[in-house]
């Protein structure tokens, strides 16, 4: 089950709760702002968050992570190439917005399977999809045909590459060779747009 929360900091961002309905445990993805709103939603529904997963290191995707790590007793995970973004306000784009940092985190591996302790059959696969940032990742559930793509891809096209570490060629390769090769019915959840299927995105970007 996916619960989308649009949270508001400097601008709006889509935070996601990916919850196993059997165990009521799950993952919190990209908590960018408003930790109180996110925490209250979790408590009100009786959910248990085992891990906080970041698609990349920009402040609008991790601004509430440190507070929620403490409240939920859940570790934060990020891909190694973006770890330095968490501690550098210039790289994470928060230098002019309060200098947000995250000091406590674990690192992910490309291809890693992240399973729930409460239900090992409920999991996400880490796919390294650089371009928006060097360490951007997609979290993919083949069982439920969905993926959390962060800012790599939106319903209206590719993510931006005009920030520190952005790479247009890497982004194009990530989209074409990794995300758009997923099954066409895979639903893509992004950081700043509505969900769209891989098939719909392929027709939009590639005309097929």
N, C-alpha and C. Protein backbone atom coordinates (compact mmCIF):
# COMPACT_ATOMS: atom_id res chain seq x y z
N UNK A 1 0.84 -1.19 0.00
CA UNK A 1 0.00 0.00 0.00
C UNK A 1 0.88 1.25 0.00
N UNK A 2 0.55 2.18 -0.87
CA UNK A 2 1.27 3.44 -0.94
C UNK A 2 0.40 4.57 -0.41
N UNK A 3 0.93 5.31 0.54
CA UNK A 3 0.28 6.51 1.03
C UNK A 3 1.14 7.70 0.64
N UNK A 4 0.61 8.57 -0.18
CA UNK A 4 1.35 9.77 -0.59
C UNK A 4 0.99 10.94 0.31
N UNK A 5 2.01 11.63 0.79
CA UNK A 5 1.82 12.85 1.56
C UNK A 5 2.56 13.98 0.85
N UNK A 6 1.86 15.01 0.46
CA UNK A 6 2.53 16.19 -0.08
C UNK A 6 2.90 17.08 1.09
N UNK A 7 4.20 17.27 1.29
CA UNK A 7 4.67 18.08 2.40
C UNK A 7 5.22 19.39 1.87
N UNK A 8 5.18 20.42 2.70
CA UNK A 8 5.51 21.76 2.25
C UNK A 8 6.64 22.36 3.08
N UNK A 9 7.75 22.62 2.41
CA UNK A 9 8.86 23.34 3.00
C UNK A 9 9.04 24.61 2.19
N UNK A 10 10.19 24.73 1.53
CA UNK A 10 10.38 25.85 0.60
C UNK A 10 9.41 25.70 -0.58
N UNK A 11 9.16 24.45 -0.99
CA UNK A 11 8.14 24.16 -1.98
C UNK A 11 7.59 22.76 -1.71
N UNK A 12 6.58 22.35 -2.45
CA UNK A 12 5.91 21.08 -2.20
C UNK A 12 6.75 19.91 -2.69
N UNK A 13 6.65 18.80 -1.96
CA UNK A 13 7.37 17.57 -2.32
C UNK A 13 6.53 16.38 -1.91
N UNK A 14 6.58 15.32 -2.73
CA UNK A 14 5.83 14.11 -2.43
C UNK A 14 6.66 13.16 -1.57
N UNK A 15 6.17 12.94 -0.36
CA UNK A 15 6.75 11.96 0.56
C UNK A 15 5.85 10.73 0.50
N UNK A 16 6.43 9.53 0.62
CA UNK A 16 5.65 8.31 0.49
C UNK A 16 5.84 7.38 1.68
N UNK A 17 4.74 6.75 2.07
CA UNK A 17 4.76 5.67 3.05
C UNK A 17 4.38 4.40 2.29
N UNK A 18 5.29 3.44 2.26
CA UNK A 18 5.03 2.18 1.57
C UNK A 18 4.84 1.12 2.65
N UNK A 19 3.59 0.72 2.86
CA UNK A 19 3.21 -0.05 4.03
C UNK A 19 2.68 -1.44 3.64
N UNK A 20 3.15 -2.44 4.36
CA UNK A 20 2.64 -3.80 4.23
C UNK A 20 1.33 -3.90 5.00
N UNK A 21 0.20 -4.14 4.34
CA UNK A 21 -1.08 -4.15 5.05
C UNK A 21 -1.23 -5.31 6.03
N UNK A 22 -0.42 -6.35 5.88
CA UNK A 22 -0.50 -7.50 6.77
C UNK A 22 0.12 -7.18 8.13
N UNK A 23 1.37 -6.71 8.09
CA UNK A 23 2.09 -6.43 9.34
C UNK A 23 1.93 -5.00 9.82
N UNK A 24 1.44 -4.12 8.92
CA UNK A 24 1.33 -2.68 9.19
C UNK A 24 2.70 -2.04 9.44
N UNK A 25 3.74 -2.69 8.94
CA UNK A 25 5.09 -2.13 8.96
C UNK A 25 5.45 -1.68 7.54
N UNK A 26 6.49 -0.85 7.44
CA UNK A 26 6.86 -0.42 6.11
C UNK A 26 8.01 0.55 6.07
N UNK A 27 8.10 1.25 4.95
CA UNK A 27 9.19 2.17 4.67
C UNK A 27 8.66 3.60 4.50
N UNK A 28 9.43 4.54 4.96
CA UNK A 28 9.16 5.97 4.74
C UNK A 28 10.15 6.46 3.71
N UNK A 29 9.64 7.04 2.62
CA UNK A 29 10.50 7.43 1.50
C UNK A 29 10.45 8.95 1.31
N UNK A 30 11.62 9.56 1.35
CA UNK A 30 11.80 10.99 1.07
C UNK A 30 10.96 11.93 1.95
N UNK A 31 11.17 11.89 3.27
CA UNK A 31 10.47 12.84 4.14
C UNK A 31 11.12 14.22 4.07
N UNK A 32 10.59 15.08 3.20
CA UNK A 32 11.26 16.33 2.89
C UNK A 32 11.00 17.47 3.85
N UNK A 33 9.86 17.46 4.53
CA UNK A 33 9.50 18.57 5.42
C UNK A 33 8.34 18.12 6.30
N UNK A 34 7.91 19.02 7.18
CA UNK A 34 6.76 18.79 8.05
C UNK A 34 6.82 17.44 8.79
N UNK A 35 7.84 17.23 9.61
CA UNK A 35 7.95 15.96 10.33
C UNK A 35 6.75 15.66 11.21
N UNK A 36 6.13 16.71 11.78
CA UNK A 36 4.96 16.49 12.62
C UNK A 36 3.80 15.89 11.86
N UNK A 37 3.56 16.37 10.65
CA UNK A 37 2.48 15.85 9.81
C UNK A 37 2.75 14.39 9.46
N UNK A 38 3.97 14.10 9.09
CA UNK A 38 4.33 12.72 8.72
C UNK A 38 4.19 11.80 9.93
N UNK A 39 4.73 12.22 11.06
CA UNK A 39 4.68 11.41 12.27
C UNK A 39 3.25 11.16 12.72
N UNK A 40 2.42 12.19 12.70
CA UNK A 40 1.03 12.04 13.12
C UNK A 40 0.28 11.06 12.22
N UNK A 41 0.58 11.09 10.92
CA UNK A 41 -0.05 10.15 9.99
C UNK A 41 0.33 8.72 10.32
N UNK A 42 1.59 8.51 10.62
CA UNK A 42 2.08 7.17 10.96
C UNK A 42 1.41 6.67 12.25
N UNK A 43 1.40 7.49 13.27
CA UNK A 43 0.82 7.10 14.57
C UNK A 43 -0.68 6.87 14.45
N UNK A 44 -1.37 7.76 13.76
CA UNK A 44 -2.82 7.67 13.62
C UNK A 44 -3.25 6.36 12.95
N UNK A 45 -2.43 5.87 12.03
CA UNK A 45 -2.76 4.64 11.31
C UNK A 45 -2.20 3.38 11.97
N UNK A 46 -1.43 3.57 13.05
CA UNK A 46 -0.86 2.43 13.74
C UNK A 46 0.23 1.72 12.95
N UNK A 47 0.96 2.48 12.13
CA UNK A 47 2.01 1.89 11.31
C UNK A 47 3.35 1.90 12.06
N UNK A 48 4.20 0.97 11.68
CA UNK A 48 5.57 0.92 12.22
C UNK A 48 6.54 1.08 11.06
N UNK A 49 7.38 2.11 11.11
CA UNK A 49 8.36 2.36 10.05
C UNK A 49 9.68 1.72 10.43
N UNK A 50 10.15 0.80 9.59
CA UNK A 50 11.41 0.12 9.86
C UNK A 50 12.62 0.87 9.30
N UNK A 51 12.43 1.54 8.15
CA UNK A 51 13.55 2.22 7.50
C UNK A 51 13.07 3.49 6.82
N UNK A 52 13.93 4.50 6.83
CA UNK A 52 13.70 5.75 6.10
C UNK A 52 14.62 5.71 4.88
N UNK A 53 14.04 5.73 3.69
CA UNK A 53 14.78 5.59 2.45
C UNK A 53 14.79 6.91 1.68
N UNK A 54 15.97 7.34 1.27
CA UNK A 54 16.11 8.57 0.48
C UNK A 54 16.46 8.24 -0.96
N UNK A 55 15.74 8.84 -1.90
CA UNK A 55 16.07 8.63 -3.31
C UNK A 55 17.30 9.42 -3.73
N UNK A 56 17.57 10.53 -3.02
CA UNK A 56 18.78 11.32 -3.26
C UNK A 56 18.95 12.32 -2.13
N UNK A 57 20.00 13.13 -2.20
CA UNK A 57 20.38 13.94 -1.06
C UNK A 57 19.95 15.38 -1.05
N UNK A 58 19.04 15.80 -1.91
CA UNK A 58 18.58 17.19 -1.88
C UNK A 58 17.69 17.44 -0.66
N UNK A 59 17.77 18.67 -0.13
CA UNK A 59 17.11 18.97 1.15
C UNK A 59 15.61 18.78 1.12
N UNK A 60 14.98 18.99 -0.04
CA UNK A 60 13.52 18.87 -0.10
C UNK A 60 13.06 17.42 -0.04
N UNK A 61 14.01 16.49 -0.05
CA UNK A 61 13.67 15.07 0.08
C UNK A 61 14.15 14.48 1.40
N UNK A 62 14.91 15.24 2.17
CA UNK A 62 15.43 14.68 3.43
C UNK A 62 15.34 15.66 4.60
N UNK A 63 14.64 16.79 4.41
CA UNK A 63 14.61 17.82 5.43
C UNK A 63 14.03 17.40 6.76
N UNK A 64 13.15 16.40 6.77
CA UNK A 64 12.54 15.91 8.02
C UNK A 64 13.13 14.59 8.48
N UNK A 65 14.13 14.09 7.77
CA UNK A 65 14.62 12.74 8.04
C UNK A 65 15.25 12.58 9.41
N UNK A 66 16.07 13.55 9.82
CA UNK A 66 16.79 13.41 11.09
C UNK A 66 15.83 13.41 12.28
N UNK A 67 14.85 14.30 12.24
CA UNK A 67 13.87 14.34 13.33
C UNK A 67 13.07 13.04 13.38
N UNK A 68 12.66 12.54 12.22
CA UNK A 68 11.87 11.32 12.19
C UNK A 68 12.71 10.09 12.52
N UNK A 69 13.98 10.12 12.22
CA UNK A 69 14.86 9.03 12.63
C UNK A 69 14.81 8.86 14.15
N UNK A 70 14.84 9.98 14.84
CA UNK A 70 14.81 9.93 16.30
C UNK A 70 13.43 9.52 16.83
N UNK A 71 12.39 10.07 16.26
CA UNK A 71 11.04 9.77 16.75
C UNK A 71 10.62 8.34 16.46
N UNK A 72 11.04 7.82 15.31
CA UNK A 72 10.60 6.50 14.88
C UNK A 72 11.60 5.40 15.19
N UNK A 73 12.80 5.79 15.63
CA UNK A 73 13.89 4.83 15.86
C UNK A 73 14.13 3.99 14.61
N UNK A 74 14.15 4.68 13.46
CA UNK A 74 14.32 4.03 12.17
C UNK A 74 15.55 4.61 11.47
N UNK A 75 16.46 3.77 10.99
CA UNK A 75 17.67 4.28 10.32
C UNK A 75 17.36 4.91 8.97
N UNK A 76 18.23 5.83 8.57
CA UNK A 76 18.14 6.51 7.28
C UNK A 76 19.10 5.83 6.30
N UNK A 77 18.65 5.63 5.07
CA UNK A 77 19.49 4.99 4.05
C UNK A 77 19.62 5.88 2.82
N UNK A 78 20.85 5.90 2.26
CA UNK A 78 21.11 6.66 1.04
C UNK A 78 22.21 5.96 0.26
N UNK A 79 22.27 6.21 -1.05
CA UNK A 79 23.33 5.62 -1.88
C UNK A 79 24.64 6.36 -1.60
N UNK A 80 25.78 5.64 -1.57
CA UNK A 80 27.06 6.25 -1.17
C UNK A 80 27.43 7.52 -1.94
N UNK A 81 27.12 7.57 -3.23
CA UNK A 81 27.51 8.74 -4.02
C UNK A 81 26.83 10.02 -3.57
N UNK A 82 25.73 9.89 -2.84
CA UNK A 82 25.02 11.07 -2.36
C UNK A 82 25.20 11.29 -0.86
N UNK A 83 25.99 10.48 -0.20
CA UNK A 83 26.17 10.63 1.25
C UNK A 83 26.71 12.01 1.61
N UNK A 84 27.63 12.53 0.80
CA UNK A 84 28.21 13.84 1.10
C UNK A 84 27.19 14.97 0.96
N UNK A 85 26.13 14.73 0.19
CA UNK A 85 25.07 15.73 0.07
C UNK A 85 24.36 15.96 1.40
N UNK A 86 24.29 14.92 2.20
CA UNK A 86 23.56 15.02 3.46
C UNK A 86 24.23 15.96 4.45
N UNK A 87 25.53 16.12 4.33
CA UNK A 87 26.26 16.95 5.30
C UNK A 87 26.76 18.27 4.71
N UNK A 88 26.46 18.52 3.44
CA UNK A 88 26.93 19.72 2.76
C UNK A 88 25.75 20.56 2.26
N UNK A 89 25.41 21.65 2.94
CA UNK A 89 24.26 22.47 2.53
C UNK A 89 24.37 23.03 1.12
N UNK A 90 25.59 23.21 0.62
CA UNK A 90 25.74 23.68 -0.76
C UNK A 90 25.27 22.60 -1.73
N UNK A 91 25.71 21.38 -1.51
CA UNK A 91 25.32 20.29 -2.40
C UNK A 91 23.85 19.94 -2.28
N UNK A 92 23.32 19.96 -1.05
CA UNK A 92 21.91 19.58 -0.89
C UNK A 92 20.95 20.74 -1.11
N UNK A 93 21.47 21.91 -1.48
CA UNK A 93 20.70 23.07 -1.91
C UNK A 93 19.99 23.81 -0.77
N UNK A 94 20.41 23.55 0.47
CA UNK A 94 19.74 24.21 1.60
C UNK A 94 20.55 25.36 2.17
N UNK A 95 21.65 25.75 1.53
CA UNK A 95 22.52 26.78 2.08
C UNK A 95 21.77 28.09 2.34
N UNK A 96 20.77 28.37 1.51
CA UNK A 96 19.99 29.60 1.68
C UNK A 96 18.63 29.34 2.32
N UNK A 97 18.45 28.13 2.85
CA UNK A 97 17.14 27.75 3.41
C UNK A 97 17.28 27.10 4.78
N UNK A 98 18.27 27.54 5.56
CA UNK A 98 18.43 27.01 6.91
C UNK A 98 19.52 25.99 7.10
N UNK A 99 20.28 25.72 6.04
CA UNK A 99 21.43 24.80 6.13
C UNK A 99 21.06 23.47 6.79
N UNK A 100 20.25 22.68 6.08
CA UNK A 100 19.78 21.39 6.60
C UNK A 100 20.84 20.32 6.38
N UNK A 101 21.10 19.50 7.40
CA UNK A 101 22.04 18.39 7.27
C UNK A 101 21.48 17.15 7.97
N UNK A 102 22.00 16.00 7.55
CA UNK A 102 21.71 14.71 8.18
C UNK A 102 23.04 14.08 8.54
N UNK A 103 23.22 13.71 9.78
CA UNK A 103 24.50 13.19 10.25
C UNK A 103 24.51 11.68 10.47
N UNK A 104 23.34 11.09 10.58
CA UNK A 104 23.27 9.65 10.88
C UNK A 104 22.59 8.93 9.72
N UNK A 105 23.31 8.05 9.06
CA UNK A 105 22.74 7.34 7.91
C UNK A 105 23.52 6.06 7.64
N UNK A 106 22.86 5.17 6.91
CA UNK A 106 23.46 3.93 6.42
C UNK A 106 23.54 4.03 4.90
N UNK A 107 24.43 3.24 4.29
CA UNK A 107 24.60 3.30 2.85
C UNK A 107 24.02 2.06 2.15
N UNK A 108 23.53 2.29 0.94
CA UNK A 108 22.90 1.25 0.14
C UNK A 108 23.85 0.73 -0.93
N UNK A 109 23.51 -0.41 -1.51
CA UNK A 109 24.24 -0.95 -2.66
C UNK A 109 23.29 -1.09 -3.84
N UNK A 110 23.83 -0.91 -5.04
CA UNK A 110 23.04 -1.11 -6.26
C UNK A 110 22.60 -2.57 -6.32
N UNK A 111 21.33 -2.79 -6.56
CA UNK A 111 20.79 -4.15 -6.63
C UNK A 111 20.39 -4.74 -5.29
N UNK A 112 20.65 -4.01 -4.20
CA UNK A 112 20.31 -4.50 -2.86
C UNK A 112 18.80 -4.67 -2.71
N UNK A 113 18.41 -5.72 -2.00
CA UNK A 113 17.02 -5.96 -1.67
C UNK A 113 16.79 -5.54 -0.23
N UNK A 114 15.86 -4.60 -0.03
CA UNK A 114 15.55 -4.10 1.31
C UNK A 114 14.25 -4.75 1.75
N UNK A 115 14.34 -5.63 2.73
CA UNK A 115 13.17 -6.38 3.20
C UNK A 115 12.71 -5.89 4.56
N UNK A 116 11.43 -6.05 4.82
CA UNK A 116 10.91 -5.80 6.15
C UNK A 116 11.25 -6.96 7.08
N UNK A 117 11.61 -6.65 8.30
CA UNK A 117 11.77 -7.69 9.29
C UNK A 117 10.42 -8.33 9.61
N UNK A 118 9.37 -7.51 9.61
CA UNK A 118 8.05 -7.99 9.96
C UNK A 118 7.44 -8.90 8.90
N UNK A 119 7.91 -8.77 7.66
CA UNK A 119 7.40 -9.59 6.56
C UNK A 119 8.46 -9.60 5.47
N UNK A 120 9.26 -10.65 5.41
CA UNK A 120 10.39 -10.69 4.47
C UNK A 120 9.96 -10.73 3.02
N UNK A 121 8.67 -11.01 2.77
CA UNK A 121 8.18 -11.01 1.40
C UNK A 121 7.80 -9.63 0.89
N UNK A 122 7.89 -8.66 1.76
CA UNK A 122 7.59 -7.27 1.40
C UNK A 122 8.92 -6.54 1.27
N UNK A 123 9.26 -6.11 0.06
CA UNK A 123 10.61 -5.59 -0.14
C UNK A 123 10.66 -4.58 -1.29
N UNK A 124 11.78 -3.88 -1.36
CA UNK A 124 12.10 -2.99 -2.46
C UNK A 124 13.50 -3.29 -2.95
N UNK A 125 13.70 -3.17 -4.25
CA UNK A 125 15.02 -3.35 -4.85
C UNK A 125 15.62 -1.98 -5.16
N UNK A 126 16.89 -1.81 -4.82
CA UNK A 126 17.60 -0.56 -5.09
C UNK A 126 18.17 -0.59 -6.51
N UNK A 127 17.81 0.41 -7.30
CA UNK A 127 18.36 0.56 -8.66
C UNK A 127 19.07 1.91 -8.72
N UNK A 128 20.36 1.91 -8.93
CA UNK A 128 21.12 3.15 -9.03
C UNK A 128 20.76 3.85 -10.34
N UNK A 129 20.19 5.05 -10.24
CA UNK A 129 19.76 5.80 -11.42
C UNK A 129 20.34 7.22 -11.37
N UNK A 130 21.65 7.36 -11.57
CA UNK A 130 22.29 8.67 -11.46
C UNK A 130 21.88 9.62 -12.58
N UNK A 131 22.14 10.90 -12.35
CA UNK A 131 21.87 11.93 -13.35
C UNK A 131 21.36 13.19 -12.70
N UNK A 132 20.26 13.08 -11.97
CA UNK A 132 19.79 14.24 -11.20
C UNK A 132 20.82 14.59 -10.13
N UNK A 133 21.30 13.57 -9.45
CA UNK A 133 22.48 13.63 -8.58
C UNK A 133 23.29 12.36 -8.84
N UNK A 134 24.55 12.31 -8.42
CA UNK A 134 25.35 11.11 -8.68
C UNK A 134 24.81 9.85 -7.99
N UNK A 135 24.14 10.03 -6.85
CA UNK A 135 23.68 8.88 -6.09
C UNK A 135 22.17 8.70 -6.08
N UNK A 136 21.48 9.24 -7.05
CA UNK A 136 20.04 9.04 -7.13
C UNK A 136 19.72 7.57 -7.34
N UNK A 137 18.68 7.10 -6.67
CA UNK A 137 18.25 5.71 -6.82
C UNK A 137 16.75 5.64 -7.05
N UNK A 138 16.34 4.51 -7.60
CA UNK A 138 14.93 4.15 -7.72
C UNK A 138 14.70 2.95 -6.82
N UNK A 139 13.59 2.97 -6.07
CA UNK A 139 13.20 1.83 -5.24
C UNK A 139 12.06 1.11 -5.95
N UNK A 140 12.29 -0.15 -6.31
CA UNK A 140 11.39 -0.88 -7.19
C UNK A 140 10.78 -2.09 -6.49
N UNK A 141 9.47 -2.23 -6.60
CA UNK A 141 8.77 -3.41 -6.12
C UNK A 141 8.23 -4.20 -7.30
N UNK A 142 8.91 -5.28 -7.71
CA UNK A 142 8.38 -6.09 -8.81
C UNK A 142 7.08 -6.80 -8.43
N UNK A 143 6.91 -7.10 -7.15
CA UNK A 143 5.71 -7.79 -6.69
C UNK A 143 4.46 -6.93 -6.87
N UNK A 144 4.59 -5.64 -6.65
CA UNK A 144 3.43 -4.75 -6.73
C UNK A 144 3.49 -3.82 -7.95
N UNK A 145 4.48 -4.01 -8.80
CA UNK A 145 4.61 -3.24 -10.04
C UNK A 145 4.57 -1.74 -9.80
N UNK A 146 5.48 -1.29 -8.93
CA UNK A 146 5.59 0.14 -8.66
C UNK A 146 7.03 0.50 -8.35
N UNK A 147 7.35 1.76 -8.51
CA UNK A 147 8.71 2.23 -8.26
C UNK A 147 8.67 3.69 -7.79
N UNK A 148 9.56 4.00 -6.87
CA UNK A 148 9.72 5.36 -6.38
C UNK A 148 10.97 5.94 -7.02
N UNK A 149 10.80 6.94 -7.88
CA UNK A 149 11.89 7.41 -8.74
C UNK A 149 12.50 8.74 -8.29
N UNK A 150 11.99 9.33 -7.21
CA UNK A 150 12.55 10.60 -6.76
C UNK A 150 12.41 11.68 -7.81
N UNK A 151 13.51 12.36 -8.11
CA UNK A 151 13.50 13.43 -9.11
C UNK A 151 14.20 13.02 -10.40
N UNK A 152 14.37 11.72 -10.60
CA UNK A 152 14.97 11.25 -11.86
C UNK A 152 14.02 11.44 -13.02
N UNK A 153 12.72 11.31 -12.74
CA UNK A 153 11.72 11.31 -13.81
C UNK A 153 10.40 11.81 -13.26
N UNK A 154 9.69 12.61 -14.06
CA UNK A 154 8.36 13.09 -13.69
C UNK A 154 7.35 12.63 -14.73
N UNK A 155 6.07 12.87 -14.45
CA UNK A 155 5.05 12.47 -15.42
C UNK A 155 5.16 13.28 -16.71
N UNK A 156 5.84 14.43 -16.65
CA UNK A 156 5.95 15.29 -17.83
C UNK A 156 7.34 15.26 -18.45
N UNK A 157 8.24 14.39 -17.93
CA UNK A 157 9.54 14.28 -18.55
C UNK A 157 10.68 14.10 -17.56
N UNK A 158 11.92 14.21 -18.04
CA UNK A 158 13.10 13.95 -17.20
C UNK A 158 13.27 14.97 -16.08
N UNK A 159 14.02 14.55 -15.06
CA UNK A 159 14.37 15.45 -13.97
C UNK A 159 15.41 16.48 -14.40
N UNK A 160 15.74 17.37 -13.50
CA UNK A 160 16.69 18.45 -13.78
C UNK A 160 18.12 17.99 -13.55
N UNK A 161 19.04 18.63 -14.26
CA UNK A 161 20.46 18.30 -14.10
C UNK A 161 21.31 19.56 -13.88
N UNK A 162 20.66 20.69 -13.59
CA UNK A 162 21.38 21.96 -13.46
C UNK A 162 21.77 22.28 -12.03
N UNK A 163 21.91 21.23 -11.20
CA UNK A 163 22.36 21.39 -9.82
C UNK A 163 23.72 20.73 -9.67
N UNK A 164 24.45 20.98 -8.58
CA UNK A 164 25.77 20.35 -8.40
C UNK A 164 25.69 18.83 -8.53
N UNK A 165 26.54 18.30 -9.40
CA UNK A 165 26.57 16.85 -9.61
C UNK A 165 25.62 16.34 -10.66
N UNK A 166 24.78 17.21 -11.23
CA UNK A 166 23.85 16.78 -12.27
C UNK A 166 24.60 16.40 -13.54
N UNK A 167 24.06 15.40 -14.25
CA UNK A 167 24.73 14.89 -15.44
C UNK A 167 23.69 14.48 -16.47
N UNK A 168 23.47 15.28 -17.53
CA UNK A 168 22.42 14.98 -18.51
C UNK A 168 22.58 13.61 -19.17
N UNK A 169 23.81 13.24 -19.54
CA UNK A 169 24.02 11.95 -20.20
C UNK A 169 23.70 10.79 -19.27
N UNK A 170 24.11 10.91 -18.02
CA UNK A 170 23.81 9.86 -17.03
C UNK A 170 22.31 9.77 -16.78
N UNK A 171 21.63 10.91 -16.72
CA UNK A 171 20.19 10.91 -16.51
C UNK A 171 19.47 10.22 -17.66
N UNK A 172 19.84 10.56 -18.88
CA UNK A 172 19.22 9.94 -20.05
C UNK A 172 19.42 8.43 -20.03
N UNK A 173 20.63 8.00 -19.70
CA UNK A 173 20.90 6.56 -19.64
C UNK A 173 20.09 5.89 -18.55
N UNK A 174 19.98 6.53 -17.38
CA UNK A 174 19.20 5.95 -16.27
C UNK A 174 17.74 5.78 -16.66
N UNK A 175 17.19 6.78 -17.32
CA UNK A 175 15.78 6.73 -17.69
C UNK A 175 15.54 5.68 -18.76
N UNK A 176 16.32 5.72 -19.82
CA UNK A 176 16.07 4.83 -20.96
C UNK A 176 16.46 3.39 -20.65
N UNK A 177 17.60 3.19 -20.00
CA UNK A 177 18.13 1.84 -19.84
C UNK A 177 17.74 1.16 -18.53
N UNK A 178 17.23 1.93 -17.57
CA UNK A 178 16.90 1.31 -16.29
C UNK A 178 15.42 1.46 -15.93
N UNK A 179 14.90 2.68 -15.99
CA UNK A 179 13.50 2.87 -15.58
C UNK A 179 12.52 2.44 -16.67
N UNK A 180 12.76 2.86 -17.90
CA UNK A 180 11.80 2.55 -18.97
C UNK A 180 11.92 1.13 -19.48
N UNK A 181 12.84 0.34 -18.94
CA UNK A 181 12.91 -1.09 -19.25
C UNK A 181 12.12 -1.92 -18.25
N UNK A 182 11.59 -1.29 -17.21
CA UNK A 182 10.72 -2.00 -16.27
C UNK A 182 9.41 -2.35 -16.99
N UNK A 183 8.65 -3.33 -16.49
CA UNK A 183 7.38 -3.69 -17.14
C UNK A 183 6.49 -2.48 -17.36
N UNK A 184 5.77 -2.42 -18.49
CA UNK A 184 5.02 -1.23 -18.86
C UNK A 184 3.92 -0.83 -17.88
N UNK A 185 3.43 -1.79 -17.08
CA UNK A 185 2.37 -1.45 -16.12
C UNK A 185 2.93 -0.95 -14.79
N UNK A 186 4.26 -0.86 -14.66
CA UNK A 186 4.88 -0.38 -13.43
C UNK A 186 4.49 1.08 -13.19
N UNK A 187 3.96 1.36 -12.01
CA UNK A 187 3.54 2.72 -11.68
C UNK A 187 4.70 3.47 -11.03
N UNK A 188 5.04 4.62 -11.59
CA UNK A 188 6.17 5.42 -11.14
C UNK A 188 5.69 6.56 -10.25
N UNK A 189 6.24 6.61 -9.03
CA UNK A 189 5.91 7.67 -8.08
C UNK A 189 7.11 8.62 -7.98
N UNK A 190 6.90 9.88 -8.31
CA UNK A 190 8.00 10.84 -8.35
C UNK A 190 7.90 11.84 -7.21
N UNK A 191 8.93 12.67 -7.10
CA UNK A 191 8.99 13.64 -6.03
C UNK A 191 8.13 14.87 -6.22
N UNK A 192 7.74 15.16 -7.47
CA UNK A 192 7.04 16.43 -7.70
C UNK A 192 5.99 16.35 -8.80
N UNK A 193 5.40 15.18 -9.01
CA UNK A 193 4.34 15.08 -10.00
C UNK A 193 3.44 13.90 -9.67
N UNK A 194 2.38 13.74 -10.46
CA UNK A 194 1.45 12.63 -10.25
C UNK A 194 2.04 11.32 -10.79
N UNK A 195 1.55 10.17 -10.31
CA UNK A 195 2.05 8.89 -10.81
C UNK A 195 1.76 8.70 -12.29
N UNK A 196 2.63 7.93 -12.93
CA UNK A 196 2.47 7.60 -14.35
C UNK A 196 3.07 6.22 -14.56
N UNK A 197 2.52 5.44 -15.48
CA UNK A 197 3.08 4.11 -15.74
C UNK A 197 4.31 4.20 -16.65
N UNK A 198 5.11 3.17 -16.61
CA UNK A 198 6.27 3.09 -17.50
C UNK A 198 5.82 3.16 -18.96
N UNK A 199 4.74 2.46 -19.29
CA UNK A 199 4.25 2.47 -20.67
C UNK A 199 3.85 3.85 -21.13
N UNK A 200 3.16 4.58 -20.27
CA UNK A 200 2.75 5.95 -20.60
C UNK A 200 3.96 6.86 -20.73
N UNK A 201 4.94 6.69 -19.85
CA UNK A 201 6.14 7.51 -19.90
C UNK A 201 6.96 7.20 -21.15
N UNK A 202 7.02 5.95 -21.53
CA UNK A 202 7.74 5.58 -22.76
C UNK A 202 7.12 6.27 -23.97
N UNK A 203 5.80 6.24 -24.06
CA UNK A 203 5.14 6.89 -25.20
C UNK A 203 5.36 8.39 -25.20
N UNK A 204 5.40 8.98 -24.00
CA UNK A 204 5.63 10.42 -23.90
C UNK A 204 7.04 10.80 -24.33
N UNK A 205 8.01 10.03 -23.87
CA UNK A 205 9.41 10.39 -24.12
C UNK A 205 9.98 9.80 -25.40
N UNK A 206 9.56 8.59 -25.73
CA UNK A 206 10.16 7.88 -26.87
C UNK A 206 9.21 7.67 -28.02
N UNK A 207 7.93 7.95 -27.81
CA UNK A 207 6.96 7.78 -28.88
C UNK A 207 6.63 6.34 -29.18
N UNK A 208 6.89 5.44 -28.17
CA UNK A 208 6.57 4.02 -28.40
C UNK A 208 6.36 3.31 -27.08
